[in-house]
Amino acid sequence: MKIGLFGLFGCGNSGNDASLEAMVLFLRRACPDAELTCICPAPDVVRQGLGVDAIASNPPIYGSRLGLAFDRVLLHIPRRVAGILHAFLLVRTFDIIIVPGTGFLDDFSDTPFGWPFGVLKWLGSAWLARRKVLLVSIGAGPIRHWLSRFFMKAAARTASYRSYRDKASKTFMTKLGIDTRADEVYPDIVFSLPVPKQEKREHDPLTIGVGVMSYFGWAPAGDADATIYRPYLRKLDEFISWLLERGYNIRLLTGDGGDWKAIEDLKAEMIALHPDRVLSEERITAVRGSTLQDVMADIARTDVTVVTRYHNLVCSLKLSRPVVSLEYSTKNHALMADAGLDEFCQHVETFDVEALKAQFVWLIERRAELTDRIAVHDVELRRRLAVQEDILLDIIRGEAVRSRTQLQTATN
């Protein structure tokens, strides 16, 4: 049984890579004889990180300068045709294609012929090759560009199994025109991952985890540095300064390789605005990590978090940390609402610092109650994921039997 795991993996996003890790752990446990191969933009990173075989989702670009210039003149049509042929030939070597989680169906910071076209290219090739496609606990929406919506809607229709990580994603796909009556909602598969060992935290002062994201708006960054990114950092500085004045320690959190630049920019902003303030490493710390396990280890050293990235939020809930979400997408709000924490949300582009302070004070006052509530919620998420794993196992076993039968028929 050959299973292809398709997605945007190995590109520095710890949440995406953790989704792949969760699926790999499940398949190795449930289908130990299955041959797993990841189809992604950075196969070398995946091989090294997870020890899983991997192939590139796009063929390498070769040719002379004249050939590359010719491709540009023809609007990259030759390269895209080569990519479609690459996908079709490779997808036929698999018995089944699984998309493990992630915000799979959105066009965040991308153009139609980036990720949206890549999704259609691979899933459309799988459909033409009559391979089953399983979309497992995926996120969907927003998809802002009409052509991106066309590509992703067509890709979604190729799947024989679809489940979403929140109700908002399923609602979005229904409004997009997809028949979702047979589709279910299950938690993000990252919730199935083990958590690091935690020491009991009973000390003063508290450590507050503050997630910092390189966020320039939903569309590909243009002049958003001035209109979105810089105001976001300045407001984080104002909030962190307020926390420091009240005696809290700060731990800055990331979730993507590109977020470290945002932390450096935030530190520069803090120095520029407060040149006389001296901060020891005990008061404000930041550790550069690369995996979601690194993120969880960071959050395990905090007591409360204020985050922007979706999987910073997932990790906070996995570790039963009361959390405020400065969200950039409906996926953050949907997860907070599911945990009964929707009163602790603001949008990253418009959040008010005074309102954030009030939310934080209310969070601290109810810390013990919210910690217990989140822990109970996490148990329920794991139970629901176990239900989906049983369904997936039945589908995979059925496909394995079908493949063996076809092979025996062809041999005879």
Protein backbone atom coordinates (compact mmCIF):
# COMPACT_ATOMS: atom_id res chain seq x y z
CA MET A 1 0.00 0.00 0.00
CA LYS A 2 1.54 3.28 -1.15
CA ILE A 3 0.20 6.45 0.47
CA GLY A 4 1.06 9.96 -0.73
CA LEU A 5 0.85 12.77 1.85
CA PHE A 6 0.33 16.06 0.04
CA GLY A 7 0.72 19.54 1.47
CA LEU A 8 2.78 22.65 2.06
CA PHE A 9 5.42 20.95 4.19
CA GLY A 10 9.08 21.64 4.91
CA CYS A 11 8.72 25.37 4.27
CA GLY A 12 9.36 26.58 7.81
CA ASN A 13 5.78 26.62 9.13
CA SER A 14 5.86 24.52 12.30
CA GLY A 15 2.08 24.06 12.36
CA ASN A 16 1.97 22.59 8.85
CA ASP A 17 4.87 20.25 9.59
CA ALA A 18 3.21 19.18 12.85
CA SER A 19 0.08 18.22 10.89
CA LEU A 20 2.23 15.98 8.70
CA GLU A 21 3.91 14.52 11.79
CA ALA A 22 0.54 13.72 13.38
CA MET A 23 -0.64 11.87 10.26
CA VAL A 24 2.66 9.98 9.93
CA LEU A 25 2.47 8.83 13.57
CA PHE A 26 -1.11 7.62 13.05
CA LEU A 27 -0.32 5.75 9.82
CA ARG A 28 2.81 4.13 11.25
CA ARG A 29 0.79 2.93 14.21
CA ALA A 30 -2.33 1.85 12.31
CA CYS A 31 -0.82 0.74 8.97
CA PRO A 32 2.80 -0.26 9.72
CA ASP A 33 3.22 -1.93 6.32
CA ALA A 34 2.15 1.13 4.33
CA GLU A 35 4.80 2.91 2.28
CA LEU A 36 4.58 6.65 3.03
CA THR A 37 5.81 9.41 0.72
CA CYS A 38 5.38 13.14 1.27
CA ILE A 39 4.65 15.35 -1.77
CA CYS A 40 5.78 18.84 -0.83
CA PRO A 41 7.85 21.87 -1.87
CA ALA A 42 10.84 20.98 0.35
CA PRO A 43 11.36 17.19 0.31
CA ASP A 44 14.90 17.30 1.74
CA VAL A 45 13.67 19.08 4.88
CA VAL A 46 10.89 16.51 5.39
CA ARG A 47 13.26 13.56 4.89
CA GLN A 48 15.66 14.93 7.46
CA GLY A 49 13.02 16.01 9.97
CA LEU A 50 10.63 13.04 9.91
CA GLY A 51 12.60 10.29 8.21
CA VAL A 52 9.81 9.98 5.63
CA ASP A 53 10.50 9.57 1.94
CA ALA A 54 9.55 12.71 0.05
CA ILE A 55 9.31 14.04 -3.51
CA ALA A 56 9.06 17.58 -4.83
CA SER A 57 5.60 18.87 -5.65
CA ASN A 58 7.10 20.92 -8.48
CA PRO A 59 9.65 19.68 -11.03
CA PRO A 60 13.07 21.34 -10.91
CA ILE A 61 13.52 24.25 -13.31
CA TYR A 62 16.35 23.69 -15.76
CA GLY A 63 17.35 25.41 -18.98
CA SER A 64 19.34 28.23 -20.45
CA ARG A 65 18.69 31.89 -19.77
CA LEU A 66 17.07 32.10 -23.19
CA GLY A 67 14.76 29.20 -22.36
CA LEU A 68 13.77 30.71 -19.02
CA ALA A 69 13.17 34.06 -20.69
CA PHE A 70 11.03 32.32 -23.32
CA ASP A 71 9.00 30.71 -20.53
CA ARG A 72 8.40 34.14 -18.96
CA VAL A 73 7.30 35.59 -22.29
CA LEU A 74 4.77 32.75 -22.60
CA LEU A 75 3.43 33.58 -19.10
CA HIS A 76 5.09 30.46 -17.62
CA ILE A 77 2.70 28.21 -19.53
CA PRO A 78 5.47 25.73 -20.54
CA ARG A 79 6.57 25.41 -16.89
CA ARG A 80 2.99 24.90 -15.72
CA VAL A 81 2.34 22.23 -18.37
CA ALA A 82 5.53 20.47 -17.26
CA GLY A 83 4.28 20.68 -13.67
CA ILE A 84 0.96 19.07 -14.58
CA LEU A 85 2.73 16.23 -16.40
CA HIS A 86 5.08 15.81 -13.41
CA ALA A 87 2.12 15.50 -11.03
CA PHE A 88 0.14 13.10 -13.22
CA LEU A 89 3.05 10.71 -13.74
CA LEU A 90 3.97 10.63 -10.05
CA VAL A 91 0.48 10.42 -8.60
CA ARG A 92 -0.13 7.17 -10.49
CA THR A 93 2.54 5.49 -8.34
CA PHE A 94 0.33 5.85 -5.24
CA ASP A 95 -2.76 3.96 -4.13
CA ILE A 96 -4.22 6.83 -2.14
CA ILE A 97 -3.52 10.54 -1.55
CA ILE A 98 -4.07 12.04 1.92
CA VAL A 99 -4.05 15.73 2.77
CA PRO A 100 -3.25 15.89 6.51
CA GLY A 101 -4.78 18.99 8.04
CA THR A 102 -3.34 22.51 7.60
CA GLY A 103 -5.18 25.56 6.25
CA PHE A 104 -5.29 23.70 2.96
CA LEU A 105 -7.97 25.60 1.07
CA ASP A 106 -7.11 29.28 1.40
CA ASP A 107 -5.04 31.79 -0.54
CA PHE A 108 -3.26 33.47 2.38
CA SER A 109 -0.47 35.69 1.04
CA ASP A 110 -0.51 33.99 -2.37
CA THR A 111 -1.61 34.46 -5.96
CA PRO A 112 -3.90 32.11 -7.93
CA PHE A 113 -1.03 30.43 -9.78
CA GLY A 114 0.85 29.75 -6.58
CA TRP A 115 -0.59 27.35 -4.01
CA PRO A 116 -4.22 27.33 -5.36
CA PHE A 117 -3.09 26.12 -8.79
CA GLY A 118 -0.74 23.60 -7.17
CA VAL A 119 -3.64 22.13 -5.19
CA LEU A 120 -5.72 21.66 -8.33
CA LYS A 121 -2.75 20.27 -10.26
CA TRP A 122 -2.12 17.45 -7.78
CA LEU A 123 -5.66 16.60 -6.72
CA GLY A 124 -6.93 16.89 -10.29
CA SER A 125 -4.17 14.51 -11.42
CA ALA A 126 -5.15 12.07 -8.66
CA TRP A 127 -8.78 12.20 -9.81
CA LEU A 128 -7.80 11.60 -13.44
CA ALA A 129 -5.65 8.66 -12.32
CA ARG A 130 -8.61 7.33 -10.31
CA ARG A 131 -6.80 7.56 -6.98
CA LYS A 132 -8.77 8.24 -3.82
CA VAL A 133 -8.18 11.64 -2.25
CA LEU A 134 -8.79 12.15 1.49
CA LEU A 135 -8.93 15.69 2.90
CA VAL A 136 -8.49 15.17 6.64
CA SER A 137 -9.38 17.90 9.17
CA ILE A 138 -8.46 20.66 6.76
CA GLY A 139 -9.02 24.37 7.14
CA ALA A 140 -10.89 26.21 4.39
CA GLY A 141 -11.26 29.91 3.63
CA PRO A 142 -11.03 32.70 3.08
CA ILE A 143 -10.22 32.48 -0.62
CA ARG A 144 -10.23 36.08 -1.78
CA HIS A 145 -9.33 35.86 -5.48
CA TRP A 146 -12.02 34.53 -7.84
CA LEU A 147 -9.54 32.41 -9.80
CA SER A 148 -8.13 30.91 -6.60
CA ARG A 149 -11.70 30.02 -5.60
CA PHE A 150 -12.23 28.34 -8.97
CA PHE A 151 -9.05 26.26 -8.64
CA MET A 152 -9.67 25.22 -5.04
CA LYS A 153 -13.35 24.50 -5.50
CA ALA A 154 -12.53 22.17 -8.40
CA ALA A 155 -9.81 20.51 -6.31
CA ALA A 156 -12.15 19.94 -3.36
CA ARG A 157 -14.63 18.13 -5.60
CA THR A 158 -12.02 15.45 -6.40
CA ALA A 159 -12.02 14.17 -2.80
CA SER A 160 -13.89 11.03 -1.82
CA TYR A 161 -13.56 11.98 1.87
CA ARG A 162 -13.59 15.46 3.34
CA SER A 163 -13.50 16.58 6.95
CA TYR A 164 -12.89 20.06 8.35
CA ARG A 165 -11.12 21.22 11.49
CA ASP A 166 -13.93 23.64 12.38
CA LYS A 167 -17.53 24.46 11.51
CA ALA A 168 -16.47 27.73 9.88
CA SER A 169 -14.48 25.81 7.25
CA LYS A 170 -17.40 23.54 6.43
CA THR A 171 -19.77 26.52 6.21
CA PHE A 172 -17.33 28.28 3.90
CA MET A 173 -17.18 25.30 1.54
CA THR A 174 -20.98 24.98 1.57
CA LYS A 175 -21.29 28.63 0.54
CA LEU A 176 -18.67 28.01 -2.14
CA GLY A 177 -21.04 25.47 -3.73
CA ILE A 178 -19.56 22.19 -2.46
CA ASP A 179 -22.00 19.51 -1.34
CA THR A 180 -20.88 19.08 2.29
CA ARG A 181 -23.80 16.97 3.54
CA ALA A 182 -21.55 13.91 3.95
CA ASP A 183 -18.63 15.92 5.31
CA GLU A 184 -17.86 15.97 9.04
CA VAL A 185 -16.09 18.33 11.43
CA TYR A 186 -13.23 16.91 13.49
CA PRO A 187 -10.50 18.72 15.44
CA ASP A 188 -7.16 19.79 14.02
CA ILE A 189 -5.05 16.62 13.89
CA VAL A 190 -2.21 18.41 15.71
CA PHE A 191 -4.24 17.89 18.89
CA SER A 192 -3.33 14.18 18.65
CA LEU A 193 0.39 14.89 19.11
CA PRO A 194 2.03 14.20 22.48
CA VAL A 195 2.84 17.18 24.70
CA PRO A 196 6.15 17.80 26.48
CA LYS A 197 6.48 17.00 30.15
CA GLN A 198 5.34 19.96 32.22
CA GLU A 199 6.53 21.03 35.63
CA LYS A 200 3.96 22.42 38.03
CA ARG A 201 4.08 26.20 37.77
CA GLU A 202 3.44 27.79 41.15
CA HIS A 203 5.61 30.87 41.37
CA ASP A 204 5.62 34.62 41.13
CA PRO A 205 5.91 36.54 38.87
CA LEU A 206 3.95 34.85 36.10
CA THR A 207 5.49 34.43 32.65
CA ILE A 208 3.35 35.64 29.76
CA GLY A 209 3.88 34.12 26.33
CA VAL A 210 3.41 36.69 23.54
CA GLY A 211 3.23 35.31 20.00
CA VAL A 212 4.87 37.48 17.35
CA MET A 213 4.01 36.91 13.69
CA SER A 214 5.41 38.36 10.47
CA TYR A 215 1.94 39.50 9.46
CA PHE A 216 1.50 41.89 6.53
CA GLY A 217 -2.17 41.29 5.78
CA TRP A 218 -4.01 38.53 3.92
CA ALA A 219 -2.91 39.51 0.41
CA PRO A 220 0.73 39.23 -0.71
CA ALA A 221 2.70 41.97 1.05
CA GLY A 222 3.02 45.25 -0.81
CA ASP A 223 2.94 48.47 1.17
CA ALA A 224 1.43 46.63 4.14
CA ASP A 225 4.61 47.18 6.17
CA ALA A 226 3.46 50.70 6.99
CA THR A 227 -0.27 50.06 7.21
CA ILE A 228 -0.41 46.72 9.06
CA TYR A 229 2.94 45.26 10.16
CA ARG A 230 4.48 48.29 11.89
CA PRO A 231 1.29 49.30 13.76
CA TYR A 232 0.96 45.66 14.90
CA LEU A 233 4.49 45.71 16.34
CA ARG A 234 3.98 49.09 18.00
CA LYS A 235 0.82 47.88 19.72
CA LEU A 236 2.60 44.72 20.88
CA ASP A 237 5.35 46.92 22.32
CA GLU A 238 2.76 49.00 24.19
CA PHE A 239 1.12 45.87 25.61
CA ILE A 240 4.43 44.23 26.57
CA SER A 241 5.59 47.46 28.27
CA TRP A 242 2.38 47.43 30.31
CA LEU A 243 3.01 43.80 31.33
CA LEU A 244 6.58 44.58 32.35
CA GLU A 245 5.45 47.52 34.47
CA ARG A 246 3.18 45.13 36.36
CA GLY A 247 6.02 42.75 37.12
CA TYR A 248 5.33 39.98 34.61
CA ASN A 249 8.08 38.20 32.69
CA ILE A 250 7.72 37.86 28.92
CA ARG A 251 8.49 34.96 26.58
CA LEU A 252 8.24 35.79 22.89
CA LEU A 253 6.83 32.96 20.74
CA THR A 254 7.15 32.13 17.03
CA GLY A 255 5.51 29.59 14.75
CA ASP A 256 7.24 30.06 11.42
CA GLY A 257 10.84 30.60 10.34
CA GLY A 258 9.93 34.07 9.10
CA ASP A 259 8.66 35.13 12.53
CA TRP A 260 12.17 35.55 13.90
CA LYS A 261 12.54 38.67 11.75
CA ALA A 262 9.39 40.01 13.40
CA ILE A 263 10.89 39.40 16.85
CA GLU A 264 14.04 41.25 15.81
CA ASP A 265 11.94 44.12 14.48
CA LEU A 266 9.90 44.18 17.70
CA LYS A 267 13.06 44.31 19.81
CA ALA A 268 14.39 47.16 17.66
CA GLU A 269 11.06 48.96 18.09
CA MET A 270 11.25 48.52 21.87
CA ILE A 271 14.81 49.87 22.01
CA ALA A 272 13.91 52.86 19.83
CA LEU A 273 10.82 53.73 21.89
CA HIS A 274 12.41 53.04 25.30
CA PRO A 275 16.14 53.81 24.95
CA ASP A 276 16.63 54.13 28.73
CA ARG A 277 14.98 50.83 29.63
CA VAL A 278 17.32 47.97 30.51
CA LEU A 279 15.86 44.49 30.15
CA SER A 280 17.53 41.40 31.53
CA GLU A 281 17.11 38.04 29.83
CA GLU A 282 15.05 36.96 32.84
CA ARG A 283 12.41 39.62 32.09
CA ILE A 284 12.03 39.08 28.35
CA THR A 285 13.27 36.02 26.45
CA ALA A 286 12.98 34.54 22.97
CA VAL A 287 14.30 31.17 21.83
CA ARG A 288 14.62 30.38 18.16
CA GLY A 289 12.91 27.05 17.46
CA SER A 290 11.94 25.24 14.28
CA THR A 291 9.33 22.63 15.22
CA LEU A 292 5.99 22.64 16.98
CA GLN A 293 7.63 20.64 19.77
CA ASP A 294 9.93 23.65 20.22
CA VAL A 295 6.88 25.92 20.36
CA MET A 296 5.19 23.69 22.92
CA ALA A 297 8.37 23.58 25.01
CA ASP A 298 8.34 27.40 24.98
CA ILE A 299 4.67 27.60 25.95
CA ALA A 300 5.23 25.03 28.71
CA ARG A 301 7.42 27.69 30.35
CA THR A 302 4.57 30.25 30.35
CA ASP A 303 1.45 30.65 32.48
CA VAL A 304 -0.80 32.62 30.09
CA THR A 305 -0.42 33.41 26.38
CA VAL A 306 -1.43 36.14 23.92
CA VAL A 307 -0.93 34.80 20.39
CA THR A 308 -1.52 35.53 16.72
CA ARG A 309 -0.54 32.37 14.83
CA TYR A 310 -3.16 29.63 14.67
CA HIS A 311 -0.86 26.85 15.84
CA ASN A 312 0.45 28.98 18.73
CA LEU A 313 -3.20 28.94 19.75
CA VAL A 314 -3.43 25.16 19.24
CA CYS A 315 -0.34 24.64 21.42
CA SER A 316 -1.68 26.92 24.15
CA LEU A 317 -4.88 24.90 24.31
CA LYS A 318 -3.01 21.57 24.18
CA LEU A 319 -1.04 22.73 27.23
CA SER A 320 -4.16 24.09 28.98
CA ARG A 321 -2.95 27.69 28.91
CA PRO A 322 -5.52 30.47 29.18
CA VAL A 323 -5.06 32.46 25.97
CA VAL A 324 -6.04 35.66 24.17
CA SER A 325 -6.18 35.38 20.37
CA LEU A 326 -5.14 38.30 18.16
CA GLU A 327 -6.51 36.52 15.15
CA TYR A 328 -6.01 37.06 11.44
CA SER A 329 -8.50 34.43 10.23
CA THR A 330 -11.83 32.85 11.14
CA LYS A 331 -9.95 29.64 12.00
CA ASN A 332 -8.55 31.25 15.15
CA HIS A 333 -11.96 32.49 16.25
CA ALA A 334 -13.61 29.14 15.47
CA LEU A 335 -11.09 27.30 17.67
CA MET A 336 -11.52 29.81 20.51
CA ALA A 337 -15.31 29.58 20.27
CA ASP A 338 -15.15 25.76 20.37
CA ALA A 339 -13.14 26.04 23.59
CA GLY A 340 -15.59 28.58 25.05
CA LEU A 341 -13.04 31.41 24.87
CA ASP A 342 -14.50 33.64 22.15
CA GLU A 343 -14.73 36.57 24.57
CA PHE A 344 -10.90 36.67 24.49
CA CYS A 345 -10.52 37.47 20.77
CA GLN A 346 -9.63 40.53 18.69
CA HIS A 347 -8.55 40.92 15.08
CA VAL A 348 -4.83 41.41 14.58
CA GLU A 349 -5.27 44.36 12.21
CA THR A 350 -7.65 46.34 14.40
CA PHE A 351 -7.08 45.24 18.00
CA ASP A 352 -7.29 47.86 20.70
CA VAL A 353 -4.54 47.79 23.32
CA GLU A 354 -6.78 49.04 26.13
CA ALA A 355 -9.32 46.32 25.30
CA LEU A 356 -6.48 43.79 25.25
CA LYS A 357 -5.37 44.88 28.71
CA ALA A 358 -8.94 44.42 29.99
CA GLN A 359 -9.17 40.96 28.41
CA PHE A 360 -5.83 40.01 29.97
CA VAL A 361 -6.90 41.16 33.46
CA TRP A 362 -10.13 39.16 33.13
CA LEU A 363 -8.13 36.14 31.93
CA ILE A 364 -5.80 36.32 34.95
CA GLU A 365 -8.72 36.60 37.37
CA ARG A 366 -10.34 33.47 35.91
CA ARG A 367 -7.07 31.61 35.28
CA ALA A 368 -7.76 28.52 37.41
CA GLU A 369 -11.30 28.09 36.07
CA LEU A 370 -10.20 28.50 32.44
CA THR A 371 -7.25 26.11 32.85
CA ASP A 372 -9.60 23.35 34.03
CA ARG A 373 -12.10 24.10 31.25
CA ILE A 374 -9.41 23.91 28.55
CA ALA A 375 -8.07 20.62 29.94
CA VAL A 376 -11.52 19.04 29.71
CA HIS A 377 -11.92 20.42 26.18
CA ASP A 378 -8.61 18.84 25.12
CA VAL A 379 -9.76 15.41 26.28
CA GLU A 380 -12.89 15.77 24.16
CA LEU A 381 -10.84 16.78 21.11
CA ARG A 382 -8.69 13.66 21.44
CA ARG A 383 -11.82 11.51 21.69
CA ARG A 384 -13.25 13.01 18.51
CA LEU A 385 -9.95 12.52 16.67
CA ALA A 386 -9.94 8.84 17.67
CA VAL A 387 -13.37 8.48 16.01
CA GLN A 388 -12.01 9.92 12.77
CA GLU A 389 -8.94 7.67 12.91
CA ASP A 390 -11.21 4.62 12.94
CA ILE A 391 -13.03 5.94 9.85
CA LEU A 392 -9.76 6.62 8.03
CA LEU A 393 -8.44 3.18 8.88
CA ASP A 394 -11.54 1.55 7.37
CA ILE A 395 -11.12 3.57 4.16
CA ILE A 396 -7.41 2.77 3.87
CA ARG A 397 -7.93 -0.94 4.51
CA GLY A 398 -10.73 -1.04 1.96
CA GLU A 399 -8.51 0.65 -0.61
CA ALA A 400 -5.68 -1.79 0.16
CA VAL A 401 -7.99 -4.74 -0.51
CA ARG A 402 -9.18 -3.16 -3.77
CA SER A 403 -5.60 -2.56 -4.93
CA ARG A 404 -4.58 -6.14 -4.17
CA THR A 405 -7.62 -7.47 -6.03
CA GLN A 406 -6.82 -5.35 -9.09
CA LEU A 407 -3.19 -6.50 -9.01
CA GLN A 408 -4.20 -10.17 -8.80
CA THR A 409 -6.67 -9.73 -11.67
CA ALA A 410 -4.03 -8.06 -13.83
CA THR A 411 -1.52 -10.82 -13.00
CA ASN A 412 -3.96 -13.60 -13.88
